[in-house]
Amino acid sequence: MSGHLFIICAPSGAGKTSLVAELLKIDRGIRLSVSYTTRAPRNGEVNGRDYHFVTPEDFKARQAAGEFLESALVHGNYYSTSRAWIAGQRAAGSDILLEIDWQGAAQVRRLIPEAIGIFVLPPSIEALVSRLNTRATDAPEVISGRLDAAREEISHVRDFDYVIINDQFGVAVQDLVAIVRAQRLRRDAQTARHSGLINRMT
């Protein structure tokens, strides 16, 4: 059977990346799609691990060649997902996690309706402002732009299947793990995965 495709979205500063990192530590059966981006690497980021960092020209060429499943312009930079990688991993039965924005999520779900959408919310806008300021990686005008974008992002929360409030990080991690496990336990997934066992018992 094809692997599950999970899409996780959140406004900048909601803690999505930290949640994903914990999920990948806990659940070795899920693989993270590494996005392509035209933005410059941040301190500590590694090409091919955190993102595939490409020039705008390279990005446009790949996009024109149909290499991307989705693409979006976020905070002035382009992001995208490899179509071939996703298809190959799912065909092999691997569960995949996409860490993308709402624009990309909408594109993916039009092409792959069975994809599972997960949205991460901060406990409040005030908490989001505090987290963005604490990161100290962006200038004040950039943070202001991110807050405007956050409100736009949050307005699309009803398009998703699951919503996690990231107030207490440990609880939010448990919620994310539970969503993944629940999807694997759905009847159609279990009957496909264990058809031999079920047939022997009926």
N, C-alpha and C. Protein backbone atom coordinates (compact mmCIF):
# COMPACT_ATOMS: atom_id res chain seq x y z
N MET A 1 0.83 -1.19 0.00
CA MET A 1 0.00 0.00 0.00
C MET A 1 0.87 1.25 0.00
N SER A 2 0.32 2.35 -0.49
CA SER A 2 1.06 3.61 -0.51
C SER A 2 1.21 4.15 0.91
N GLY A 3 2.33 4.81 1.15
CA GLY A 3 2.54 5.42 2.46
C GLY A 3 1.64 6.63 2.65
N HIS A 4 1.41 6.96 3.92
CA HIS A 4 0.61 8.14 4.25
C HIS A 4 1.40 9.41 3.93
N LEU A 5 0.68 10.45 3.56
CA LEU A 5 1.29 11.76 3.33
C LEU A 5 0.70 12.73 4.34
N PHE A 6 1.54 13.19 5.27
CA PHE A 6 1.12 14.16 6.28
C PHE A 6 1.64 15.54 5.90
N ILE A 7 0.78 16.54 6.04
CA ILE A 7 1.17 17.93 5.78
C ILE A 7 1.03 18.69 7.08
N ILE A 8 2.10 19.33 7.51
CA ILE A 8 2.03 20.12 8.75
C ILE A 8 2.33 21.57 8.42
N CYS A 9 1.43 22.45 8.86
CA CYS A 9 1.55 23.88 8.60
C CYS A 9 1.41 24.66 9.90
N ALA A 10 1.99 25.86 9.92
CA ALA A 10 1.88 26.72 11.08
C ALA A 10 2.42 28.09 10.73
N PRO A 11 1.98 29.13 11.42
CA PRO A 11 2.61 30.43 11.24
C PRO A 11 4.02 30.40 11.80
N SER A 12 4.88 31.24 11.27
CA SER A 12 6.25 31.33 11.75
C SER A 12 6.27 31.64 13.24
N GLY A 13 7.03 30.83 14.01
CA GLY A 13 7.12 31.03 15.45
C GLY A 13 6.20 30.16 16.27
N ALA A 14 5.34 29.37 15.62
CA ALA A 14 4.40 28.53 16.37
C ALA A 14 5.05 27.26 16.90
N GLY A 15 6.26 26.95 16.45
CA GLY A 15 6.97 25.78 16.97
C GLY A 15 6.89 24.55 16.10
N LYS A 16 6.49 24.74 14.85
CA LYS A 16 6.32 23.60 13.94
C LYS A 16 7.61 22.80 13.76
N THR A 17 8.71 23.49 13.52
CA THR A 17 9.97 22.80 13.25
C THR A 17 10.43 21.97 14.44
N SER A 18 10.26 22.52 15.65
CA SER A 18 10.65 21.78 16.86
C SER A 18 9.76 20.55 17.05
N LEU A 19 8.46 20.69 16.77
CA LEU A 19 7.55 19.56 16.88
C LEU A 19 7.92 18.46 15.89
N VAL A 20 8.22 18.86 14.68
CA VAL A 20 8.60 17.89 13.65
C VAL A 20 9.87 17.16 14.05
N ALA A 21 10.85 17.88 14.59
CA ALA A 21 12.11 17.25 15.01
C ALA A 21 11.86 16.19 16.08
N GLU A 22 10.97 16.48 17.03
CA GLU A 22 10.65 15.50 18.07
C GLU A 22 9.92 14.30 17.51
N LEU A 23 8.99 14.54 16.59
CA LEU A 23 8.27 13.42 15.96
C LEU A 23 9.24 12.48 15.26
N LEU A 24 10.20 13.05 14.54
CA LEU A 24 11.16 12.22 13.80
C LEU A 24 12.06 11.41 14.73
N LYS A 25 12.31 11.93 15.93
CA LYS A 25 13.09 11.17 16.92
C LYS A 25 12.28 10.00 17.47
N ILE A 26 11.00 10.25 17.70
CA ILE A 26 10.13 9.25 18.33
C ILE A 26 9.69 8.18 17.33
N ASP A 27 9.36 8.62 16.13
CA ASP A 27 8.78 7.72 15.12
C ASP A 27 9.74 7.57 13.95
N ARG A 28 10.46 6.45 13.91
CA ARG A 28 11.44 6.22 12.85
C ARG A 28 10.78 5.78 11.54
N GLY A 29 9.47 5.60 11.57
CA GLY A 29 8.78 5.14 10.36
C GLY A 29 8.27 6.25 9.47
N ILE A 30 8.62 7.50 9.79
CA ILE A 30 8.16 8.62 8.98
C ILE A 30 9.37 9.40 8.47
N ARG A 31 9.30 9.85 7.24
CA ARG A 31 10.41 10.56 6.62
C ARG A 31 10.00 11.98 6.28
N LEU A 32 10.91 12.91 6.50
CA LEU A 32 10.64 14.32 6.24
C LEU A 32 11.09 14.68 4.83
N SER A 33 10.19 15.28 4.08
CA SER A 33 10.55 15.79 2.76
C SER A 33 11.41 17.05 2.93
N VAL A 34 12.53 17.10 2.24
CA VAL A 34 13.41 18.27 2.29
C VAL A 34 13.04 19.20 1.14
N SER A 35 12.55 20.38 1.49
CA SER A 35 12.07 21.33 0.49
C SER A 35 13.22 22.02 -0.24
N TYR A 36 12.91 22.52 -1.43
CA TYR A 36 13.81 23.40 -2.16
C TYR A 36 13.45 24.84 -1.78
N THR A 37 14.45 25.70 -1.67
CA THR A 37 14.18 27.11 -1.38
C THR A 37 15.23 28.01 -2.02
N THR A 38 14.79 29.24 -2.29
CA THR A 38 15.71 30.23 -2.84
C THR A 38 16.29 31.13 -1.74
N ARG A 39 15.85 30.95 -0.48
CA ARG A 39 16.40 31.80 0.57
C ARG A 39 17.79 31.33 0.96
N ALA A 40 18.55 32.24 1.57
CA ALA A 40 19.90 31.91 2.01
C ALA A 40 19.85 31.04 3.26
N PRO A 41 20.82 30.15 3.44
CA PRO A 41 20.85 29.31 4.66
C PRO A 41 21.02 30.17 5.91
N ARG A 42 20.32 29.79 6.98
CA ARG A 42 20.54 30.43 8.27
C ARG A 42 21.70 29.74 8.97
N ASN A 43 22.18 30.37 10.02
CA ASN A 43 23.31 29.84 10.77
C ASN A 43 23.02 28.41 11.24
N GLY A 44 23.89 27.46 10.87
CA GLY A 44 23.74 26.07 11.30
C GLY A 44 22.98 25.19 10.32
N GLU A 45 22.30 25.79 9.35
CA GLU A 45 21.56 24.98 8.39
C GLU A 45 22.50 24.34 7.37
N VAL A 46 22.16 23.12 6.97
CA VAL A 46 23.00 22.34 6.06
C VAL A 46 22.23 22.04 4.78
N ASN A 47 22.85 22.30 3.64
CA ASN A 47 22.23 22.01 2.35
C ASN A 47 21.98 20.51 2.21
N GLY A 48 20.74 20.16 1.83
CA GLY A 48 20.39 18.76 1.66
C GLY A 48 19.81 18.12 2.90
N ARG A 49 20.05 18.74 4.06
CA ARG A 49 19.47 18.24 5.31
C ARG A 49 18.29 19.11 5.74
N ASP A 50 18.51 20.41 5.82
CA ASP A 50 17.45 21.33 6.22
C ASP A 50 16.62 21.77 5.02
N TYR A 51 17.29 22.12 3.95
CA TYR A 51 16.67 22.49 2.69
C TYR A 51 17.64 22.17 1.57
N HIS A 52 17.10 22.13 0.35
CA HIS A 52 17.94 22.18 -0.84
C HIS A 52 17.99 23.65 -1.23
N PHE A 53 19.12 24.30 -0.98
CA PHE A 53 19.25 25.73 -1.27
C PHE A 53 19.66 25.92 -2.73
N VAL A 54 18.84 26.62 -3.49
CA VAL A 54 19.10 26.81 -4.92
C VAL A 54 18.95 28.29 -5.27
N THR A 55 19.50 28.66 -6.40
CA THR A 55 19.36 30.03 -6.87
C THR A 55 17.96 30.21 -7.46
N PRO A 56 17.48 31.45 -7.55
CA PRO A 56 16.19 31.68 -8.19
C PRO A 56 16.13 31.15 -9.62
N GLU A 57 17.25 31.23 -10.33
CA GLU A 57 17.29 30.73 -11.71
C GLU A 57 17.14 29.22 -11.76
N ASP A 58 17.83 28.53 -10.86
CA ASP A 58 17.73 27.07 -10.79
C ASP A 58 16.30 26.66 -10.41
N PHE A 59 15.73 27.38 -9.44
CA PHE A 59 14.37 27.10 -9.01
C PHE A 59 13.40 27.20 -10.18
N LYS A 60 13.49 28.30 -10.91
CA LYS A 60 12.57 28.53 -12.03
C LYS A 60 12.72 27.45 -13.10
N ALA A 61 13.96 27.03 -13.34
CA ALA A 61 14.20 25.98 -14.34
C ALA A 61 13.57 24.66 -13.91
N ARG A 62 13.74 24.31 -12.64
CA ARG A 62 13.14 23.07 -12.12
C ARG A 62 11.62 23.16 -12.15
N GLN A 63 11.09 24.32 -11.81
CA GLN A 63 9.65 24.51 -11.83
C GLN A 63 9.10 24.35 -13.24
N ALA A 64 9.79 24.94 -14.21
CA ALA A 64 9.35 24.85 -15.61
C ALA A 64 9.41 23.42 -16.12
N ALA A 65 10.35 22.62 -15.58
CA ALA A 65 10.50 21.23 -16.00
C ALA A 65 9.49 20.31 -15.31
N GLY A 66 8.66 20.86 -14.42
CA GLY A 66 7.63 20.05 -13.75
C GLY A 66 8.14 19.21 -12.61
N GLU A 67 9.29 19.60 -12.02
CA GLU A 67 9.88 18.79 -10.95
C GLU A 67 9.15 18.93 -9.61
N PHE A 68 8.34 19.98 -9.46
CA PHE A 68 7.78 20.28 -8.14
C PHE A 68 6.32 19.87 -8.02
N LEU A 69 6.00 19.29 -6.88
CA LEU A 69 4.61 18.95 -6.57
C LEU A 69 3.82 20.19 -6.20
N GLU A 70 4.48 21.11 -5.53
CA GLU A 70 3.87 22.39 -5.14
C GLU A 70 4.98 23.41 -5.02
N SER A 71 4.60 24.68 -5.07
CA SER A 71 5.56 25.75 -4.83
C SER A 71 4.81 26.96 -4.30
N ALA A 72 5.51 27.77 -3.51
CA ALA A 72 4.88 28.94 -2.92
C ALA A 72 5.92 30.02 -2.67
N LEU A 73 5.48 31.27 -2.73
CA LEU A 73 6.30 32.41 -2.39
C LEU A 73 5.98 32.81 -0.96
N VAL A 74 6.97 32.69 -0.07
CA VAL A 74 6.77 32.95 1.36
C VAL A 74 7.85 33.91 1.85
N HIS A 75 7.42 35.05 2.39
CA HIS A 75 8.36 36.05 2.91
C HIS A 75 9.43 36.42 1.87
N GLY A 76 9.03 36.48 0.62
CA GLY A 76 9.94 36.92 -0.44
C GLY A 76 10.83 35.85 -1.03
N ASN A 77 10.68 34.61 -0.57
CA ASN A 77 11.48 33.50 -1.10
C ASN A 77 10.58 32.37 -1.57
N TYR A 78 11.07 31.62 -2.55
CA TYR A 78 10.30 30.50 -3.09
C TYR A 78 10.64 29.21 -2.36
N TYR A 79 9.61 28.37 -2.17
CA TYR A 79 9.77 27.05 -1.55
C TYR A 79 9.01 26.04 -2.40
N SER A 80 9.49 24.79 -2.42
CA SER A 80 8.81 23.77 -3.21
C SER A 80 9.14 22.38 -2.71
N THR A 81 8.37 21.40 -3.23
CA THR A 81 8.51 20.00 -2.85
C THR A 81 8.77 19.17 -4.10
N SER A 82 9.72 18.24 -4.00
CA SER A 82 10.05 17.38 -5.14
C SER A 82 8.93 16.38 -5.43
N ARG A 83 8.41 16.44 -6.62
CA ARG A 83 7.34 15.52 -7.04
C ARG A 83 7.83 14.08 -7.08
N ALA A 84 8.99 13.85 -7.70
CA ALA A 84 9.51 12.49 -7.88
C ALA A 84 9.84 11.83 -6.55
N TRP A 85 10.43 12.60 -5.62
CA TRP A 85 10.81 12.03 -4.33
C TRP A 85 9.59 11.57 -3.56
N ILE A 86 8.57 12.41 -3.53
CA ILE A 86 7.33 12.06 -2.81
C ILE A 86 6.71 10.81 -3.41
N ALA A 87 6.59 10.77 -4.73
CA ALA A 87 5.96 9.63 -5.40
C ALA A 87 6.74 8.35 -5.13
N GLY A 88 8.05 8.42 -5.21
CA GLY A 88 8.88 7.24 -5.00
C GLY A 88 8.80 6.71 -3.58
N GLN A 89 8.84 7.61 -2.60
CA GLN A 89 8.77 7.20 -1.20
C GLN A 89 7.42 6.58 -0.87
N ARG A 90 6.35 7.19 -1.34
CA ARG A 90 5.01 6.66 -1.06
C ARG A 90 4.80 5.31 -1.74
N ALA A 91 5.31 5.17 -2.96
CA ALA A 91 5.18 3.89 -3.67
C ALA A 91 5.89 2.77 -2.93
N ALA A 92 6.97 3.13 -2.23
CA ALA A 92 7.72 2.14 -1.45
C ALA A 92 7.07 1.86 -0.09
N GLY A 93 5.96 2.55 0.20
CA GLY A 93 5.25 2.33 1.46
C GLY A 93 5.68 3.20 2.61
N SER A 94 6.55 4.18 2.34
CA SER A 94 7.03 5.06 3.42
C SER A 94 6.03 6.16 3.72
N ASP A 95 5.86 6.46 5.00
CA ASP A 95 5.05 7.61 5.41
C ASP A 95 5.91 8.86 5.30
N ILE A 96 5.34 9.92 4.75
CA ILE A 96 6.08 11.14 4.46
C ILE A 96 5.44 12.32 5.19
N LEU A 97 6.28 13.23 5.66
CA LEU A 97 5.81 14.45 6.29
C LEU A 97 6.29 15.65 5.49
N LEU A 98 5.35 16.50 5.11
CA LEU A 98 5.66 17.75 4.42
C LEU A 98 5.51 18.90 5.40
N GLU A 99 6.54 19.69 5.57
CA GLU A 99 6.51 20.87 6.43
C GLU A 99 6.44 22.09 5.51
N ILE A 100 5.23 22.51 5.17
CA ILE A 100 5.05 23.56 4.18
C ILE A 100 4.01 24.58 4.63
N ASP A 101 3.81 25.63 3.83
CA ASP A 101 2.84 26.65 4.21
C ASP A 101 1.47 26.32 3.63
N TRP A 102 0.47 27.13 3.97
CA TRP A 102 -0.91 26.83 3.57
C TRP A 102 -1.09 26.83 2.05
N GLN A 103 -0.32 27.68 1.34
CA GLN A 103 -0.45 27.71 -0.12
C GLN A 103 -0.03 26.37 -0.72
N GLY A 104 1.13 25.88 -0.27
CA GLY A 104 1.61 24.59 -0.75
C GLY A 104 0.69 23.46 -0.35
N ALA A 105 0.15 23.54 0.88
CA ALA A 105 -0.76 22.50 1.36
C ALA A 105 -2.00 22.40 0.48
N ALA A 106 -2.53 23.55 0.09
CA ALA A 106 -3.72 23.55 -0.77
C ALA A 106 -3.41 22.92 -2.13
N GLN A 107 -2.24 23.21 -2.67
CA GLN A 107 -1.85 22.62 -3.96
C GLN A 107 -1.71 21.10 -3.85
N VAL A 108 -1.05 20.64 -2.79
CA VAL A 108 -0.83 19.20 -2.61
C VAL A 108 -2.16 18.47 -2.44
N ARG A 109 -3.06 19.04 -1.65
CA ARG A 109 -4.32 18.36 -1.37
C ARG A 109 -5.24 18.32 -2.58
N ARG A 110 -5.06 19.25 -3.51
CA ARG A 110 -5.81 19.15 -4.76
C ARG A 110 -5.32 17.98 -5.59
N LEU A 111 -4.02 17.72 -5.54
CA LEU A 111 -3.43 16.62 -6.31
C LEU A 111 -3.53 15.28 -5.57
N ILE A 112 -3.44 15.34 -4.23
CA ILE A 112 -3.45 14.12 -3.40
C ILE A 112 -4.49 14.34 -2.30
N PRO A 113 -5.77 14.12 -2.61
CA PRO A 113 -6.84 14.42 -1.65
C PRO A 113 -6.75 13.66 -0.34
N GLU A 114 -6.10 12.50 -0.36
CA GLU A 114 -6.01 11.70 0.86
C GLU A 114 -4.94 12.19 1.83
N ALA A 115 -4.16 13.19 1.44
CA ALA A 115 -3.15 13.75 2.34
C ALA A 115 -3.80 14.25 3.62
N ILE A 116 -3.12 14.08 4.74
CA ILE A 116 -3.66 14.45 6.05
C ILE A 116 -3.07 15.79 6.47
N GLY A 117 -3.93 16.79 6.67
CA GLY A 117 -3.49 18.13 7.02
C GLY A 117 -3.50 18.37 8.52
N ILE A 118 -2.37 18.88 9.04
CA ILE A 118 -2.23 19.18 10.46
C ILE A 118 -1.80 20.64 10.60
N PHE A 119 -2.52 21.40 11.39
CA PHE A 119 -2.18 22.81 11.58
C PHE A 119 -1.78 23.04 13.04
N VAL A 120 -0.66 23.75 13.22
CA VAL A 120 -0.17 24.05 14.57
C VAL A 120 -0.43 25.52 14.88
N LEU A 121 -1.13 25.77 15.97
CA LEU A 121 -1.44 27.13 16.42
C LEU A 121 -0.64 27.49 17.66
N PRO A 122 -0.24 28.75 17.79
CA PRO A 122 0.32 29.19 19.07
C PRO A 122 -0.83 29.39 20.05
N PRO A 123 -0.55 29.47 21.36
CA PRO A 123 -1.64 29.67 22.33
C PRO A 123 -2.27 31.06 22.23
N SER A 124 -1.55 32.02 21.65
CA SER A 124 -2.08 33.38 21.48
C SER A 124 -1.15 34.15 20.55
N ILE A 125 -1.65 35.27 20.03
CA ILE A 125 -0.80 36.14 19.21
C ILE A 125 0.33 36.71 20.05
N GLU A 126 0.04 37.02 21.32
CA GLU A 126 1.07 37.56 22.20
C GLU A 126 2.22 36.57 22.38
N ALA A 127 1.87 35.30 22.52
CA ALA A 127 2.91 34.27 22.65
C ALA A 127 3.73 34.17 21.37
N LEU A 128 3.06 34.32 20.23
CA LEU A 128 3.75 34.27 18.95
C LEU A 128 4.75 35.42 18.83
N VAL A 129 4.33 36.63 19.21
CA VAL A 129 5.21 37.80 19.17
C VAL A 129 6.44 37.55 20.06
N SER A 130 6.20 37.02 21.26
CA SER A 130 7.29 36.74 22.18
C SER A 130 8.28 35.74 21.60
N ARG A 131 7.77 34.69 20.97
CA ARG A 131 8.64 33.66 20.40
C ARG A 131 9.46 34.22 19.25
N LEU A 132 8.85 35.03 18.40
CA LEU A 132 9.57 35.61 17.28
C LEU A 132 10.67 36.55 17.76
N ASN A 133 10.39 37.31 18.81
CA ASN A 133 11.40 38.22 19.36
C ASN A 133 12.52 37.46 20.06
N THR A 134 12.16 36.36 20.73
CA THR A 134 13.16 35.56 21.45
C THR A 134 14.15 34.90 20.51
N ARG A 135 13.68 34.53 19.29
CA ARG A 135 14.57 33.86 18.34
C ARG A 135 15.74 34.75 17.95
N ALA A 136 15.50 36.08 17.91
CA ALA A 136 16.54 37.07 17.59
C ALA A 136 17.27 36.77 16.29
N THR A 137 16.55 36.22 15.31
CA THR A 137 17.16 35.93 14.01
C THR A 137 16.69 36.89 12.93
N ASP A 138 15.68 37.71 13.24
CA ASP A 138 15.11 38.59 12.23
C ASP A 138 15.06 40.03 12.72
N ALA A 139 15.15 40.97 11.78
CA ALA A 139 15.03 42.39 12.10
C ALA A 139 13.58 42.72 12.47
N PRO A 140 13.34 43.82 13.20
CA PRO A 140 11.97 44.17 13.61
C PRO A 140 10.98 44.26 12.46
N GLU A 141 11.42 44.81 11.33
CA GLU A 141 10.50 44.92 10.20
C GLU A 141 10.16 43.55 9.62
N VAL A 142 11.09 42.63 9.71
CA VAL A 142 10.83 41.26 9.24
C VAL A 142 9.82 40.58 10.18
N ILE A 143 9.99 40.78 11.47
CA ILE A 143 9.06 40.21 12.45
C ILE A 143 7.66 40.75 12.23
N SER A 144 7.56 42.06 11.96
CA SER A 144 6.26 42.66 11.69
C SER A 144 5.60 42.01 10.47
N GLY A 145 6.40 41.77 9.44
CA GLY A 145 5.88 41.10 8.24
C GLY A 145 5.45 39.68 8.54
N ARG A 146 6.19 39.00 9.41
CA ARG A 146 5.84 37.63 9.76
C ARG A 146 4.52 37.58 10.55
N LEU A 147 4.28 38.59 11.37
CA LEU A 147 3.02 38.62 12.11
C LEU A 147 1.83 38.84 11.18
N ASP A 148 2.00 39.70 10.19
CA ASP A 148 0.94 39.89 9.20
C ASP A 148 0.68 38.59 8.45
N ALA A 149 1.78 37.91 8.07
CA ALA A 149 1.65 36.63 7.36
C ALA A 149 1.02 35.57 8.27
N ALA A 150 1.32 35.64 9.58
CA ALA A 150 0.76 34.66 10.52
C ALA A 150 -0.75 34.75 10.58
N ARG A 151 -1.27 35.96 10.60
CA ARG A 151 -2.72 36.12 10.63
C ARG A 151 -3.37 35.56 9.37
N GLU A 152 -2.72 35.77 8.24
CA GLU A 152 -3.22 35.20 6.98
C GLU A 152 -3.18 33.68 7.03
N GLU A 153 -2.07 33.14 7.52
CA GLU A 153 -1.91 31.69 7.63
C GLU A 153 -2.99 31.09 8.53
N ILE A 154 -3.19 31.71 9.70
CA ILE A 154 -4.15 31.19 10.68
C ILE A 154 -5.58 31.21 10.12
N SER A 155 -5.86 32.13 9.22
CA SER A 155 -7.21 32.20 8.64
C SER A 155 -7.57 30.96 7.83
N HIS A 156 -6.57 30.13 7.51
CA HIS A 156 -6.81 28.92 6.73
C HIS A 156 -6.86 27.65 7.59
N VAL A 157 -6.93 27.82 8.91
CA VAL A 157 -6.88 26.67 9.82
C VAL A 157 -8.03 25.69 9.56
N ARG A 158 -9.17 26.18 9.12
CA ARG A 158 -10.34 25.31 8.91
C ARG A 158 -10.18 24.40 7.69
N ASP A 159 -9.14 24.60 6.91
CA ASP A 159 -8.90 23.74 5.75
C ASP A 159 -8.18 22.45 6.13
N PHE A 160 -7.81 22.30 7.40
CA PHE A 160 -7.00 21.18 7.83
C PHE A 160 -7.81 20.17 8.64
N ASP A 161 -7.31 18.93 8.70
CA ASP A 161 -8.02 17.85 9.39
C ASP A 161 -7.81 17.87 10.89
N TYR A 162 -6.62 18.28 11.33
CA TYR A 162 -6.28 18.28 12.75
C TYR A 162 -5.68 19.63 13.12
N VAL A 163 -5.91 20.05 14.36
CA VAL A 163 -5.34 21.29 14.88
C VAL A 163 -4.68 21.00 16.22
N ILE A 164 -3.42 21.41 16.35
CA ILE A 164 -2.67 21.26 17.59
C ILE A 164 -2.38 22.65 18.15
N ILE A 165 -2.71 22.88 19.42
CA ILE A 165 -2.36 24.13 20.09
C ILE A 165 -1.02 23.91 20.80
N ASN A 166 0.00 24.57 20.36
CA ASN A 166 1.33 24.37 20.94
C ASN A 166 1.54 25.34 22.11
N ASP A 167 0.89 25.00 23.24
CA ASP A 167 1.05 25.76 24.47
C ASP A 167 2.10 25.08 25.33
N GLN A 168 1.83 23.83 25.70
CA GLN A 168 2.82 23.01 26.41
C GLN A 168 3.47 22.09 25.38
N PHE A 169 4.75 22.27 25.16
CA PHE A 169 5.42 21.58 24.06
C PHE A 169 5.30 20.07 24.16
N GLY A 170 5.47 19.51 25.34
CA GLY A 170 5.40 18.05 25.50
C GLY A 170 4.04 17.49 25.13
N VAL A 171 2.99 18.22 25.49
CA VAL A 171 1.63 17.79 25.15
C VAL A 171 1.42 17.88 23.64
N ALA A 172 1.93 18.95 23.02
CA ALA A 172 1.79 19.12 21.58
C ALA A 172 2.51 18.00 20.81
N VAL A 173 3.66 17.58 21.32
CA VAL A 173 4.39 16.46 20.70
C VAL A 173 3.54 15.19 20.78
N GLN A 174 2.97 14.92 21.95
CA GLN A 174 2.11 13.74 22.11
C GLN A 174 0.92 13.79 21.16
N ASP A 175 0.35 14.97 20.98
CA ASP A 175 -0.78 15.12 20.06
C ASP A 175 -0.36 14.79 18.63
N LEU A 176 0.80 15.27 18.22
CA LEU A 176 1.28 15.01 16.86
C LEU A 176 1.54 13.51 16.65
N VAL A 177 2.19 12.88 17.61
CA VAL A 177 2.45 11.44 17.53
C VAL A 177 1.13 10.67 17.45
N ALA A 178 0.14 11.10 18.24
CA ALA A 178 -1.16 10.42 18.26
C ALA A 178 -1.85 10.50 16.90
N ILE A 179 -1.75 11.64 16.25
CA ILE A 179 -2.37 11.80 14.92
C ILE A 179 -1.76 10.81 13.93
N VAL A 180 -0.45 10.73 13.92
CA VAL A 180 0.23 9.81 12.99
C VAL A 180 -0.17 8.37 13.27
N ARG A 181 -0.18 8.00 14.53
CA ARG A 181 -0.52 6.61 14.88
C ARG A 181 -1.97 6.30 14.55
N ALA A 182 -2.86 7.26 14.80
CA ALA A 182 -4.28 7.04 14.51
C ALA A 182 -4.51 6.80 13.02
N GLN A 183 -3.82 7.55 12.18
CA GLN A 183 -3.99 7.37 10.74
C GLN A 183 -3.52 5.98 10.31
N ARG A 184 -2.47 5.49 10.92
CA ARG A 184 -1.97 4.15 10.57
C ARG A 184 -2.92 3.05 11.03
N LEU A 185 -3.74 3.35 12.03
CA LEU A 185 -4.67 2.36 12.57
C LEU A 185 -6.04 2.39 11.92
N ARG A 186 -6.23 3.28 10.97
CA ARG A 186 -7.52 3.31 10.28
C ARG A 186 -7.77 1.98 9.58
N ARG A 187 -9.06 1.62 9.46
CA ARG A 187 -9.43 0.32 8.91
C ARG A 187 -8.79 0.04 7.56
N ASP A 188 -8.87 1.00 6.63
CA ASP A 188 -8.34 0.74 5.30
C ASP A 188 -6.84 0.51 5.31
N ALA A 189 -6.13 1.24 6.16
CA ALA A 189 -4.68 1.05 6.25
C ALA A 189 -4.33 -0.30 6.86
N GLN A 190 -5.02 -0.66 7.94
CA GLN A 190 -4.73 -1.92 8.62
C GLN A 190 -5.12 -3.14 7.80
N THR A 191 -6.26 -3.08 7.11
CA THR A 191 -6.68 -4.24 6.30
C THR A 191 -5.77 -4.44 5.10
N ALA A 192 -5.22 -3.33 4.57
CA ALA A 192 -4.27 -3.46 3.46
C ALA A 192 -2.93 -3.99 3.96
N ARG A 193 -2.48 -3.49 5.10
CA ARG A 193 -1.17 -3.88 5.63
C ARG A 193 -1.18 -5.31 6.17
N HIS A 194 -2.30 -5.74 6.73
CA HIS A 194 -2.37 -7.05 7.37
C HIS A 194 -3.39 -7.96 6.69
N SER A 195 -3.50 -7.86 5.39
CA SER A 195 -4.50 -8.65 4.66
C SER A 195 -4.28 -10.15 4.83
N GLY A 196 -3.00 -10.58 4.84
CA GLY A 196 -2.70 -12.00 5.02
C GLY A 196 -3.18 -12.51 6.36
N LEU A 197 -2.90 -11.77 7.41
CA LEU A 197 -3.33 -12.15 8.76
C LEU A 197 -4.85 -12.21 8.84
N ILE A 198 -5.52 -11.21 8.32
CA ILE A 198 -6.99 -11.18 8.37
C ILE A 198 -7.59 -12.32 7.60
N ASN A 199 -7.02 -12.61 6.42
CA ASN A 199 -7.54 -13.72 5.60
C ASN A 199 -7.41 -15.07 6.29
N ARG A 200 -6.30 -15.23 7.04
CA ARG A 200 -6.08 -16.50 7.74
C ARG A 200 -7.07 -16.69 8.89
N MET A 201 -7.59 -15.60 9.39
CA MET A 201 -8.47 -15.69 10.56
C MET A 201 -9.96 -15.64 10.19
N THR A 202 -10.24 -15.56 8.89
CA THR A 202 -11.64 -15.49 8.48
C THR A 202 -11.98 -16.62 7.51
